[in-house]
N, C-alpha and C. Protein backbone atom coordinates (compact mmCIF):
# COMPACT_ATOMS: atom_id res chain seq x y z
N UNK A 1 -32.34 9.56 -24.76
CA UNK A 1 -31.49 10.25 -25.70
C UNK A 1 -30.33 9.33 -26.09
N UNK A 2 -29.93 9.39 -27.34
CA UNK A 2 -28.79 8.63 -27.85
C UNK A 2 -27.76 9.62 -28.35
N UNK A 3 -26.52 9.41 -27.96
CA UNK A 3 -25.42 10.26 -28.42
C UNK A 3 -24.71 9.51 -29.54
N UNK A 4 -24.69 10.11 -30.73
CA UNK A 4 -24.11 9.46 -31.91
C UNK A 4 -22.86 10.21 -32.33
N UNK A 5 -21.76 9.47 -32.54
CA UNK A 5 -20.49 10.04 -32.99
C UNK A 5 -20.20 9.55 -34.40
N UNK A 6 -19.62 10.42 -35.20
CA UNK A 6 -19.19 10.08 -36.57
C UNK A 6 -17.70 10.36 -36.65
N UNK A 7 -16.92 9.38 -37.13
CA UNK A 7 -15.48 9.53 -37.16
C UNK A 7 -14.92 9.45 -38.57
N UNK A 8 -13.71 9.99 -38.72
CA UNK A 8 -12.92 9.94 -39.94
C UNK A 8 -13.70 10.48 -41.14
N UNK A 9 -13.73 9.71 -42.20
CA UNK A 9 -14.38 10.15 -43.44
C UNK A 9 -15.86 10.46 -43.24
N UNK A 10 -16.52 9.74 -42.34
CA UNK A 10 -17.95 10.00 -42.10
C UNK A 10 -18.13 11.40 -41.52
N UNK A 11 -17.28 11.77 -40.60
CA UNK A 11 -17.34 13.11 -40.01
C UNK A 11 -17.14 14.17 -41.10
N UNK A 12 -16.17 13.94 -41.97
CA UNK A 12 -15.89 14.89 -43.05
C UNK A 12 -17.05 14.98 -44.03
N UNK A 13 -17.61 13.85 -44.41
CA UNK A 13 -18.70 13.82 -45.38
C UNK A 13 -19.96 14.46 -44.82
N UNK A 14 -20.26 14.18 -43.56
CA UNK A 14 -21.50 14.67 -42.95
C UNK A 14 -21.37 16.10 -42.40
N UNK A 15 -20.16 16.53 -42.16
CA UNK A 15 -19.95 17.87 -41.65
C UNK A 15 -20.25 18.03 -40.16
N UNK A 16 -20.41 16.92 -39.45
CA UNK A 16 -20.62 16.96 -38.00
C UNK A 16 -19.87 15.80 -37.35
N UNK A 17 -19.45 16.01 -36.12
CA UNK A 17 -18.74 14.96 -35.41
C UNK A 17 -19.63 14.16 -34.49
N UNK A 18 -20.71 14.79 -34.03
CA UNK A 18 -21.62 14.08 -33.15
C UNK A 18 -22.94 14.82 -33.06
N UNK A 19 -23.92 14.12 -32.55
CA UNK A 19 -25.25 14.71 -32.34
C UNK A 19 -25.99 13.88 -31.29
N UNK A 20 -26.99 14.48 -30.74
CA UNK A 20 -27.86 13.78 -29.77
C UNK A 20 -29.25 13.66 -30.40
N UNK A 21 -29.78 12.45 -30.33
CA UNK A 21 -31.11 12.18 -30.87
C UNK A 21 -32.03 11.76 -29.74
N UNK A 22 -33.25 12.24 -29.78
CA UNK A 22 -34.24 11.79 -28.80
C UNK A 22 -34.47 10.30 -28.97
N UNK A 23 -34.63 9.62 -27.85
CA UNK A 23 -34.90 8.19 -27.88
C UNK A 23 -36.21 7.92 -28.60
N UNK A 24 -36.20 6.89 -29.41
CA UNK A 24 -37.37 6.46 -30.15
C UNK A 24 -37.49 4.95 -29.99
N UNK A 25 -38.65 4.47 -29.62
CA UNK A 25 -38.85 3.03 -29.41
C UNK A 25 -38.55 2.21 -30.67
N UNK A 26 -38.57 2.84 -31.83
CA UNK A 26 -38.28 2.10 -33.07
C UNK A 26 -36.79 1.79 -33.21
N UNK A 27 -35.94 2.37 -32.37
CA UNK A 27 -34.50 2.10 -32.40
C UNK A 27 -34.19 0.84 -31.59
N UNK A 28 -34.64 -0.29 -32.04
CA UNK A 28 -34.39 -1.53 -31.30
C UNK A 28 -32.94 -1.99 -31.45
N UNK A 29 -32.35 -1.75 -32.61
CA UNK A 29 -30.98 -2.17 -32.90
C UNK A 29 -30.22 -1.00 -33.52
N UNK A 30 -28.91 -1.11 -33.57
CA UNK A 30 -28.11 -0.05 -34.20
C UNK A 30 -28.51 0.11 -35.65
N UNK A 31 -28.85 -0.97 -36.32
CA UNK A 31 -29.24 -0.86 -37.73
C UNK A 31 -30.52 -0.03 -37.89
N UNK A 32 -31.43 -0.07 -36.93
CA UNK A 32 -32.63 0.76 -37.00
C UNK A 32 -32.25 2.24 -36.92
N UNK A 33 -31.32 2.56 -36.06
CA UNK A 33 -30.82 3.94 -35.96
C UNK A 33 -30.15 4.34 -37.26
N UNK A 34 -29.30 3.46 -37.79
CA UNK A 34 -28.61 3.76 -39.06
C UNK A 34 -29.60 4.01 -40.18
N UNK A 35 -30.64 3.20 -40.26
CA UNK A 35 -31.66 3.39 -41.31
C UNK A 35 -32.39 4.72 -41.13
N UNK A 36 -32.63 5.10 -39.89
CA UNK A 36 -33.24 6.40 -39.60
C UNK A 36 -32.35 7.53 -40.15
N UNK A 37 -31.05 7.40 -39.94
CA UNK A 37 -30.11 8.41 -40.44
C UNK A 37 -30.04 8.39 -41.96
N UNK A 38 -30.08 7.21 -42.57
CA UNK A 38 -30.07 7.10 -44.03
C UNK A 38 -31.28 7.79 -44.65
N UNK A 39 -32.40 7.78 -43.96
CA UNK A 39 -33.62 8.43 -44.47
C UNK A 39 -33.46 9.93 -44.64
N UNK A 40 -32.41 10.49 -44.07
CA UNK A 40 -32.13 11.93 -44.26
C UNK A 40 -31.70 12.22 -45.70
N UNK A 41 -31.23 11.19 -46.40
CA UNK A 41 -30.83 11.34 -47.80
C UNK A 41 -29.49 12.04 -47.96
N UNK A 42 -29.17 12.40 -49.20
CA UNK A 42 -27.94 13.13 -49.50
C UNK A 42 -26.70 12.45 -48.97
N UNK A 43 -25.84 13.24 -48.33
CA UNK A 43 -24.57 12.74 -47.81
C UNK A 43 -24.73 11.62 -46.78
N UNK A 44 -25.90 11.52 -46.18
CA UNK A 44 -26.12 10.48 -45.17
C UNK A 44 -26.03 9.08 -45.75
N UNK A 45 -26.08 8.96 -47.07
CA UNK A 45 -25.96 7.65 -47.71
C UNK A 45 -24.59 7.02 -47.47
N UNK A 46 -23.62 7.81 -47.01
CA UNK A 46 -22.31 7.26 -46.69
C UNK A 46 -22.42 6.18 -45.62
N UNK A 47 -23.45 6.25 -44.79
CA UNK A 47 -23.64 5.24 -43.75
C UNK A 47 -24.22 3.93 -44.28
N UNK A 48 -24.44 3.86 -45.59
CA UNK A 48 -24.93 2.63 -46.21
C UNK A 48 -23.78 1.72 -46.65
N UNK A 49 -22.56 2.17 -46.46
CA UNK A 49 -21.41 1.37 -46.88
C UNK A 49 -21.40 0.01 -46.20
N UNK A 50 -20.99 -0.99 -46.96
CA UNK A 50 -20.93 -2.36 -46.43
C UNK A 50 -19.91 -2.51 -45.32
N UNK A 51 -18.82 -1.76 -45.41
CA UNK A 51 -17.74 -1.93 -44.44
C UNK A 51 -17.85 -1.01 -43.23
N UNK A 52 -18.99 -0.41 -43.02
CA UNK A 52 -19.21 0.47 -41.88
C UNK A 52 -18.98 -0.30 -40.57
N UNK A 53 -18.27 0.33 -39.67
CA UNK A 53 -18.05 -0.26 -38.35
C UNK A 53 -18.80 0.57 -37.32
N UNK A 54 -19.11 -0.06 -36.20
CA UNK A 54 -19.84 0.67 -35.16
C UNK A 54 -19.44 0.18 -33.78
N UNK A 55 -19.73 1.02 -32.82
CA UNK A 55 -19.48 0.69 -31.42
C UNK A 55 -20.66 1.18 -30.60
N UNK A 56 -20.95 0.44 -29.54
CA UNK A 56 -21.99 0.83 -28.59
C UNK A 56 -21.32 0.97 -27.23
N UNK A 57 -21.45 2.14 -26.65
CA UNK A 57 -20.84 2.43 -25.35
C UNK A 57 -19.35 2.06 -25.34
N UNK A 58 -18.67 2.45 -26.43
CA UNK A 58 -17.22 2.32 -26.61
C UNK A 58 -16.74 0.88 -26.75
N UNK A 59 -17.64 -0.03 -27.16
CA UNK A 59 -17.24 -1.40 -27.45
C UNK A 59 -17.69 -1.76 -28.86
N UNK A 60 -16.75 -2.29 -29.65
CA UNK A 60 -17.09 -2.69 -31.02
C UNK A 60 -18.25 -3.67 -31.00
N UNK A 61 -19.10 -3.54 -32.01
CA UNK A 61 -20.26 -4.42 -32.10
C UNK A 61 -20.74 -4.46 -33.55
N UNK A 62 -21.79 -5.22 -33.79
CA UNK A 62 -22.39 -5.30 -35.10
C UNK A 62 -23.65 -4.47 -35.17
N UNK A 63 -24.17 -4.32 -36.37
CA UNK A 63 -25.39 -3.53 -36.57
C UNK A 63 -26.61 -4.15 -35.90
N UNK A 64 -26.52 -5.43 -35.54
CA UNK A 64 -27.65 -6.09 -34.89
C UNK A 64 -27.65 -5.91 -33.37
N UNK A 65 -26.69 -5.14 -32.86
CA UNK A 65 -26.60 -4.88 -31.41
C UNK A 65 -27.84 -4.12 -30.94
N UNK A 66 -28.46 -4.56 -29.84
CA UNK A 66 -29.63 -3.84 -29.32
C UNK A 66 -29.25 -2.46 -28.79
N UNK A 67 -30.20 -1.55 -28.85
CA UNK A 67 -30.01 -0.19 -28.34
C UNK A 67 -30.88 0.06 -27.13
N UNK A 68 -30.44 0.98 -26.30
CA UNK A 68 -31.23 1.40 -25.15
C UNK A 68 -31.09 2.91 -25.00
N UNK A 69 -32.07 3.51 -24.41
CA UNK A 69 -32.03 4.94 -24.14
C UNK A 69 -30.78 5.24 -23.32
N UNK A 70 -30.03 6.27 -23.72
CA UNK A 70 -28.82 6.65 -23.02
C UNK A 70 -27.54 6.09 -23.63
N UNK A 71 -27.66 5.22 -24.64
CA UNK A 71 -26.48 4.65 -25.28
C UNK A 71 -25.68 5.69 -26.04
N UNK A 72 -24.39 5.40 -26.19
CA UNK A 72 -23.49 6.18 -27.01
C UNK A 72 -23.09 5.29 -28.19
N UNK A 73 -23.32 5.77 -29.39
CA UNK A 73 -23.05 4.99 -30.60
C UNK A 73 -22.02 5.72 -31.45
N UNK A 74 -21.10 4.96 -32.04
CA UNK A 74 -20.10 5.53 -32.92
C UNK A 74 -20.13 4.78 -34.26
N UNK A 75 -20.04 5.55 -35.33
CA UNK A 75 -19.92 4.99 -36.68
C UNK A 75 -18.58 5.43 -37.24
N UNK A 76 -17.85 4.47 -37.85
CA UNK A 76 -16.56 4.80 -38.44
C UNK A 76 -16.24 3.79 -39.54
N UNK A 77 -15.46 4.24 -40.53
CA UNK A 77 -15.07 3.32 -41.62
C UNK A 77 -13.98 2.37 -41.13
N UNK A 78 -13.82 1.27 -41.84
CA UNK A 78 -12.74 0.35 -41.50
C UNK A 78 -11.40 1.06 -41.73
N UNK A 79 -10.43 0.64 -40.98
CA UNK A 79 -9.09 1.23 -41.07
C UNK A 79 -8.17 0.18 -41.66
N UNK A 80 -7.42 0.58 -42.66
CA UNK A 80 -6.42 -0.32 -43.22
C UNK A 80 -5.07 0.36 -43.16
N UNK A 81 -4.09 -0.41 -43.11
CA UNK A 81 -2.74 0.17 -43.05
C UNK A 81 -1.73 -0.80 -43.59
N UNK A 82 -0.52 -0.37 -43.65
CA UNK A 82 0.48 -1.27 -44.16
C UNK A 82 1.85 -0.91 -43.70
């Protein structure tokens, strides 16, 4: 099982803060999981943004980060301030 969190604007757009997905061998990398979510269509296209950030087990990483059963993944937009 993978626990996926959505933060900030993604949470607002998708209408959920988190979900649990059954482990699938096709989820080799975070990008594979993201593409699976994009296949849902509609509002899920927000995860196609170029500036999407992600974390695996509470550590920042890239979309090419490998996944394992039991991982916790977070998706969030970049934060800017001034």
